Amino acid sequence: MPFIDTKLNIRLSAEKEAILKARLGEAIANFPGKSEYWLMLNFTDNSRMWFRGYNNFPIAMVEVKLFGTADEETCSRMTGIICRLFKEELDISPDHVYVKYEFTDHWGWNGENF
C-alpha cells in the first residue's frame, strides 16, 4: 500500500508525468513486498514553494508513505533513485529535492483496514 505524493514548483507536462509514473512504479519495488500494482501517486505542479529563501529554481517535495516499515538502507537507495529521476527528467538539482518517509501500521482499503 504505497503512496507517493510529489509537489513541484514547476509545470509538469503530461509526457513527463507519465515517465515519472512509470519510473516510480519500478522504483517502489525496492521496498520488499511493494509493487506498482498497489502504488498510488499524486503529482501537484505549479505549487508556490520556497527553498533557502528563494523560489526562482525548480524544487520538489516527495513524500513516500508505506504500510509497514522499511530499513534505512532501502530508504537511502530510494532517495538516490528519486533524486536521479527528478534530475534526469525535470532538471531539478538533487540538493533541491526533499524526500520524506512515513510508515504506518494502520492502512485502510476497500472498506477495511489491513
N, C-alpha and C. Protein backbone atom coordinates (compact mmCIF):
# COMPACT_ATOMS: atom_id res chain seq x y z
N MET A 1 0.82 -1.19 0.00
CA MET A 1 0.00 0.00 0.00
C MET A 1 0.86 1.25 0.00
N PRO A 2 1.69 1.44 -0.98
CA PRO A 2 2.48 2.68 -1.00
C PRO A 2 1.74 3.84 -1.67
N PHE A 3 2.08 5.03 -1.23
CA PHE A 3 1.56 6.27 -1.81
C PHE A 3 2.73 7.23 -1.93
N ILE A 4 2.94 7.78 -3.11
CA ILE A 4 3.99 8.77 -3.32
C ILE A 4 3.33 10.07 -3.75
N ASP A 5 3.52 11.09 -2.94
CA ASP A 5 2.94 12.40 -3.16
C ASP A 5 4.05 13.36 -3.53
N THR A 6 3.96 13.96 -4.70
CA THR A 6 5.01 14.84 -5.21
C THR A 6 4.46 16.24 -5.43
N LYS A 7 5.15 17.22 -4.87
CA LYS A 7 4.81 18.62 -5.10
C LYS A 7 5.99 19.28 -5.81
N LEU A 8 5.68 20.04 -6.84
CA LEU A 8 6.69 20.72 -7.65
C LEU A 8 6.33 22.19 -7.78
N ASN A 9 7.32 23.04 -7.91
CA ASN A 9 7.04 24.45 -8.16
C ASN A 9 7.15 24.78 -9.64
N ILE A 10 7.20 23.75 -10.48
CA ILE A 10 7.28 23.92 -11.93
C ILE A 10 6.10 23.21 -12.58
N ARG A 11 5.87 23.51 -13.84
CA ARG A 11 4.82 22.83 -14.59
C ARG A 11 5.28 21.43 -14.95
N LEU A 12 4.37 20.47 -14.85
CA LEU A 12 4.66 19.08 -15.19
C LEU A 12 3.81 18.72 -16.40
N SER A 13 4.47 18.44 -17.52
CA SER A 13 3.74 18.07 -18.73
C SER A 13 3.17 16.66 -18.57
N ALA A 14 2.18 16.35 -19.36
CA ALA A 14 1.57 15.01 -19.34
C ALA A 14 2.61 13.95 -19.69
N GLU A 15 3.50 14.27 -20.62
CA GLU A 15 4.55 13.32 -21.02
C GLU A 15 5.50 13.03 -19.85
N LYS A 16 5.95 14.07 -19.17
CA LYS A 16 6.86 13.87 -18.04
C LYS A 16 6.15 13.17 -16.88
N GLU A 17 4.88 13.47 -16.68
CA GLU A 17 4.12 12.80 -15.63
C GLU A 17 4.05 11.30 -15.89
N ALA A 18 3.83 10.92 -17.13
CA ALA A 18 3.77 9.50 -17.49
C ALA A 18 5.12 8.83 -17.25
N ILE A 19 6.20 9.52 -17.55
CA ILE A 19 7.54 8.97 -17.33
C ILE A 19 7.79 8.80 -15.82
N LEU A 20 7.47 9.83 -15.03
CA LEU A 20 7.64 9.73 -13.58
C LEU A 20 6.80 8.59 -13.02
N LYS A 21 5.56 8.47 -13.48
CA LYS A 21 4.68 7.40 -13.02
C LYS A 21 5.30 6.03 -13.27
N ALA A 22 5.81 5.84 -14.46
CA ALA A 22 6.40 4.54 -14.81
C ALA A 22 7.67 4.27 -14.00
N ARG A 23 8.52 5.25 -13.88
CA ARG A 23 9.80 5.04 -13.18
C ARG A 23 9.61 4.91 -11.67
N LEU A 24 8.67 5.66 -11.09
CA LEU A 24 8.38 5.48 -9.67
C LEU A 24 7.71 4.13 -9.44
N GLY A 25 6.93 3.68 -10.41
CA GLY A 25 6.33 2.35 -10.33
C GLY A 25 7.38 1.26 -10.28
N GLU A 26 8.45 1.43 -11.03
CA GLU A 26 9.56 0.47 -10.98
C GLU A 26 10.32 0.60 -9.65
N ALA A 27 10.54 1.83 -9.23
CA ALA A 27 11.36 2.09 -8.04
C ALA A 27 10.72 1.57 -6.76
N ILE A 28 9.40 1.57 -6.68
CA ILE A 28 8.74 1.16 -5.44
C ILE A 28 9.05 -0.30 -5.11
N ALA A 29 9.42 -1.08 -6.10
CA ALA A 29 9.77 -2.49 -5.88
C ALA A 29 11.04 -2.65 -5.05
N ASN A 30 11.77 -1.57 -4.81
CA ASN A 30 12.93 -1.63 -3.91
C ASN A 30 12.51 -1.95 -2.48
N PHE A 31 11.27 -1.64 -2.15
CA PHE A 31 10.74 -1.96 -0.83
C PHE A 31 10.17 -3.37 -0.88
N PRO A 32 10.62 -4.25 -0.02
CA PRO A 32 10.12 -5.63 -0.02
C PRO A 32 8.59 -5.67 0.09
N GLY A 33 7.99 -6.44 -0.80
CA GLY A 33 6.55 -6.62 -0.79
C GLY A 33 5.75 -5.52 -1.44
N LYS A 34 6.41 -4.50 -1.99
CA LYS A 34 5.70 -3.39 -2.63
C LYS A 34 5.83 -3.49 -4.14
N SER A 35 4.78 -3.06 -4.84
CA SER A 35 4.81 -3.11 -6.30
C SER A 35 3.95 -1.99 -6.87
N GLU A 36 4.11 -1.77 -8.15
CA GLU A 36 3.34 -0.74 -8.83
C GLU A 36 1.84 -1.06 -8.78
N TYR A 37 1.50 -2.33 -8.70
CA TYR A 37 0.09 -2.73 -8.68
C TYR A 37 -0.67 -2.01 -7.56
N TRP A 38 -0.06 -1.82 -6.39
CA TRP A 38 -0.71 -1.18 -5.25
C TRP A 38 -0.32 0.29 -5.09
N LEU A 39 0.56 0.78 -5.94
CA LEU A 39 1.08 2.14 -5.79
C LEU A 39 0.05 3.18 -6.22
N MET A 40 -0.18 4.16 -5.35
CA MET A 40 -0.99 5.33 -5.69
C MET A 40 -0.05 6.53 -5.74
N LEU A 41 -0.25 7.35 -6.75
CA LEU A 41 0.61 8.52 -6.96
C LEU A 41 -0.22 9.79 -7.02
N ASN A 42 0.37 10.88 -6.58
CA ASN A 42 -0.22 12.20 -6.76
C ASN A 42 0.89 13.15 -7.20
N PHE A 43 0.59 13.94 -8.22
CA PHE A 43 1.52 14.98 -8.67
C PHE A 43 0.81 16.32 -8.59
N THR A 44 1.40 17.25 -7.86
CA THR A 44 0.88 18.61 -7.79
C THR A 44 1.97 19.52 -8.35
N ASP A 45 1.68 20.16 -9.46
CA ASP A 45 2.67 21.04 -10.05
C ASP A 45 2.28 22.50 -9.81
N ASN A 46 3.18 23.39 -10.18
CA ASN A 46 2.98 24.83 -10.02
C ASN A 46 2.66 25.24 -8.58
N SER A 47 3.18 24.50 -7.62
CA SER A 47 2.98 24.86 -6.21
C SER A 47 3.80 26.11 -5.87
N ARG A 48 3.29 26.88 -4.96
CA ARG A 48 4.01 28.07 -4.51
C ARG A 48 4.95 27.64 -3.40
N MET A 49 6.16 27.24 -3.79
CA MET A 49 7.16 26.71 -2.88
C MET A 49 8.38 27.61 -2.83
N TRP A 50 9.00 27.64 -1.66
CA TRP A 50 10.23 28.39 -1.44
C TRP A 50 11.23 27.46 -0.80
N PHE A 51 12.51 27.62 -1.14
CA PHE A 51 13.57 26.83 -0.54
C PHE A 51 14.79 27.73 -0.39
N ARG A 52 15.37 27.72 0.80
CA ARG A 52 16.53 28.57 1.11
C ARG A 52 16.22 30.06 0.88
N GLY A 53 14.94 30.42 1.01
CA GLY A 53 14.54 31.81 0.84
C GLY A 53 14.27 32.22 -0.59
N TYR A 54 14.31 31.27 -1.53
CA TYR A 54 14.12 31.59 -2.95
C TYR A 54 13.09 30.67 -3.57
N ASN A 55 12.53 31.13 -4.68
CA ASN A 55 11.61 30.30 -5.45
C ASN A 55 11.87 30.41 -6.95
N ASN A 56 13.08 30.82 -7.32
CA ASN A 56 13.40 31.03 -8.72
C ASN A 56 14.18 29.87 -9.35
N PHE A 57 14.07 28.68 -8.75
CA PHE A 57 14.68 27.49 -9.33
C PHE A 57 13.74 26.32 -9.04
N PRO A 58 13.83 25.24 -9.80
CA PRO A 58 12.94 24.10 -9.60
C PRO A 58 13.15 23.43 -8.24
N ILE A 59 12.04 23.08 -7.59
CA ILE A 59 12.03 22.46 -6.26
C ILE A 59 11.05 21.29 -6.28
N ALA A 60 11.38 20.24 -5.54
CA ALA A 60 10.45 19.11 -5.39
C ALA A 60 10.41 18.65 -3.94
N MET A 61 9.21 18.32 -3.48
CA MET A 61 8.98 17.69 -2.19
C MET A 61 8.27 16.38 -2.48
N VAL A 62 8.93 15.27 -2.11
CA VAL A 62 8.40 13.94 -2.40
C VAL A 62 8.16 13.22 -1.09
N GLU A 63 6.93 12.77 -0.87
CA GLU A 63 6.59 12.03 0.33
C GLU A 63 6.27 10.59 -0.06
N VAL A 64 6.98 9.66 0.55
CA VAL A 64 6.77 8.23 0.31
C VAL A 64 6.13 7.66 1.57
N LYS A 65 4.90 7.18 1.42
CA LYS A 65 4.15 6.67 2.56
C LYS A 65 3.90 5.18 2.34
N LEU A 66 4.19 4.39 3.39
CA LEU A 66 4.10 2.93 3.26
C LEU A 66 3.32 2.32 4.40
N PHE A 67 2.59 1.28 4.09
CA PHE A 67 2.02 0.41 5.10
C PHE A 67 3.14 -0.51 5.55
N GLY A 68 3.45 -0.49 6.84
CA GLY A 68 4.58 -1.24 7.36
C GLY A 68 5.78 -0.33 7.54
N THR A 69 6.96 -0.92 7.51
CA THR A 69 8.19 -0.16 7.70
C THR A 69 9.20 -0.53 6.63
N ALA A 70 10.30 0.18 6.64
CA ALA A 70 11.41 -0.10 5.72
C ALA A 70 12.70 0.26 6.44
N ASP A 71 13.77 -0.44 6.08
CA ASP A 71 15.06 -0.17 6.72
C ASP A 71 15.74 1.06 6.11
N GLU A 72 16.72 1.55 6.83
CA GLU A 72 17.43 2.77 6.42
C GLU A 72 18.11 2.61 5.06
N GLU A 73 18.68 1.46 4.81
CA GLU A 73 19.38 1.22 3.54
C GLU A 73 18.42 1.31 2.35
N THR A 74 17.24 0.73 2.48
CA THR A 74 16.26 0.77 1.40
C THR A 74 15.78 2.20 1.16
N CYS A 75 15.53 2.93 2.23
CA CYS A 75 15.11 4.32 2.10
C CYS A 75 16.20 5.17 1.45
N SER A 76 17.43 4.94 1.84
CA SER A 76 18.55 5.67 1.26
C SER A 76 18.67 5.39 -0.25
N ARG A 77 18.52 4.14 -0.62
CA ARG A 77 18.57 3.76 -2.03
C ARG A 77 17.43 4.44 -2.79
N MET A 78 16.24 4.46 -2.20
CA MET A 78 15.09 5.09 -2.84
C MET A 78 15.29 6.59 -3.00
N THR A 79 15.88 7.24 -2.00
CA THR A 79 16.17 8.67 -2.10
C THR A 79 17.10 8.94 -3.28
N GLY A 80 18.12 8.11 -3.45
CA GLY A 80 19.03 8.26 -4.58
C GLY A 80 18.31 8.10 -5.91
N ILE A 81 17.43 7.11 -5.99
CA ILE A 81 16.66 6.88 -7.22
C ILE A 81 15.77 8.08 -7.52
N ILE A 82 15.06 8.57 -6.51
CA ILE A 82 14.17 9.71 -6.70
C ILE A 82 14.95 10.95 -7.14
N CYS A 83 16.05 11.24 -6.48
CA CYS A 83 16.85 12.42 -6.83
C CYS A 83 17.40 12.32 -8.25
N ARG A 84 17.88 11.14 -8.63
CA ARG A 84 18.37 10.96 -10.01
C ARG A 84 17.24 11.12 -11.02
N LEU A 85 16.10 10.54 -10.73
CA LEU A 85 14.95 10.62 -11.62
C LEU A 85 14.52 12.07 -11.84
N PHE A 86 14.41 12.84 -10.77
CA PHE A 86 13.97 14.22 -10.91
C PHE A 86 15.02 15.08 -11.60
N LYS A 87 16.29 14.75 -11.45
CA LYS A 87 17.35 15.45 -12.18
C LYS A 87 17.27 15.12 -13.68
N GLU A 88 17.17 13.82 -13.98
CA GLU A 88 17.15 13.39 -15.38
C GLU A 88 15.92 13.87 -16.13
N GLU A 89 14.77 13.79 -15.51
CA GLU A 89 13.52 14.09 -16.21
C GLU A 89 13.07 15.54 -16.11
N LEU A 90 13.36 16.21 -14.99
CA LEU A 90 12.85 17.56 -14.78
C LEU A 90 13.95 18.59 -14.54
N ASP A 91 15.20 18.14 -14.57
CA ASP A 91 16.35 19.01 -14.33
C ASP A 91 16.27 19.73 -12.98
N ILE A 92 15.79 19.01 -11.97
CA ILE A 92 15.77 19.53 -10.61
C ILE A 92 17.03 19.02 -9.91
N SER A 93 17.82 19.93 -9.43
CA SER A 93 19.06 19.56 -8.76
C SER A 93 18.75 18.70 -7.53
N PRO A 94 19.51 17.63 -7.30
CA PRO A 94 19.26 16.77 -6.13
C PRO A 94 19.27 17.53 -4.81
N ASP A 95 20.01 18.63 -4.73
CA ASP A 95 20.01 19.39 -3.48
C ASP A 95 18.82 20.35 -3.37
N HIS A 96 17.87 20.23 -4.31
CA HIS A 96 16.61 20.97 -4.25
C HIS A 96 15.43 20.00 -4.15
N VAL A 97 15.72 18.78 -3.73
CA VAL A 97 14.68 17.75 -3.58
C VAL A 97 14.70 17.25 -2.14
N TYR A 98 13.56 17.33 -1.48
CA TYR A 98 13.38 16.70 -0.17
C TYR A 98 12.58 15.43 -0.39
N VAL A 99 12.96 14.39 0.34
CA VAL A 99 12.23 13.12 0.31
C VAL A 99 11.90 12.77 1.76
N LYS A 100 10.63 12.59 2.03
CA LYS A 100 10.16 12.27 3.38
C LYS A 100 9.52 10.89 3.36
N TYR A 101 9.79 10.11 4.39
CA TYR A 101 9.22 8.76 4.52
C TYR A 101 8.28 8.71 5.71
N GLU A 102 7.14 8.09 5.52
CA GLU A 102 6.18 7.85 6.60
C GLU A 102 5.78 6.39 6.56
N PHE A 103 5.70 5.79 7.75
CA PHE A 103 5.34 4.38 7.87
C PHE A 103 4.16 4.27 8.83
N THR A 104 3.26 3.35 8.55
CA THR A 104 2.10 3.17 9.41
C THR A 104 1.70 1.70 9.49
N ASP A 105 1.12 1.34 10.60
CA ASP A 105 0.55 0.00 10.77
C ASP A 105 -0.94 0.00 10.49
N HIS A 106 -1.50 1.18 10.23
CA HIS A 106 -2.94 1.31 10.00
C HIS A 106 -3.17 1.88 8.61
N TRP A 107 -3.71 1.06 7.72
CA TRP A 107 -3.94 1.49 6.35
C TRP A 107 -5.25 0.86 5.90
N GLY A 108 -6.16 1.69 5.44
CA GLY A 108 -7.46 1.19 5.02
C GLY A 108 -7.59 1.11 3.52
N TRP A 109 -8.38 0.15 3.08
CA TRP A 109 -8.67 -0.02 1.66
C TRP A 109 -9.90 -0.90 1.53
N ASN A 110 -10.74 -0.58 0.60
CA ASN A 110 -11.88 -1.42 0.27
C ASN A 110 -12.80 -1.65 1.48
N GLY A 111 -12.97 -0.63 2.30
CA GLY A 111 -13.87 -0.70 3.43
C GLY A 111 -13.33 -1.40 4.67
N GLU A 112 -12.05 -1.76 4.63
CA GLU A 112 -11.43 -2.46 5.77
C GLU A 112 -10.03 -1.93 6.01
N ASN A 113 -9.45 -2.31 7.14
CA ASN A 113 -8.06 -1.98 7.43
C ASN A 113 -7.20 -3.23 7.39
N PHE A 114 -5.98 -3.02 7.00
CA PHE A 114 -5.02 -4.14 6.99
C PHE A 114 -4.49 -4.38 8.36
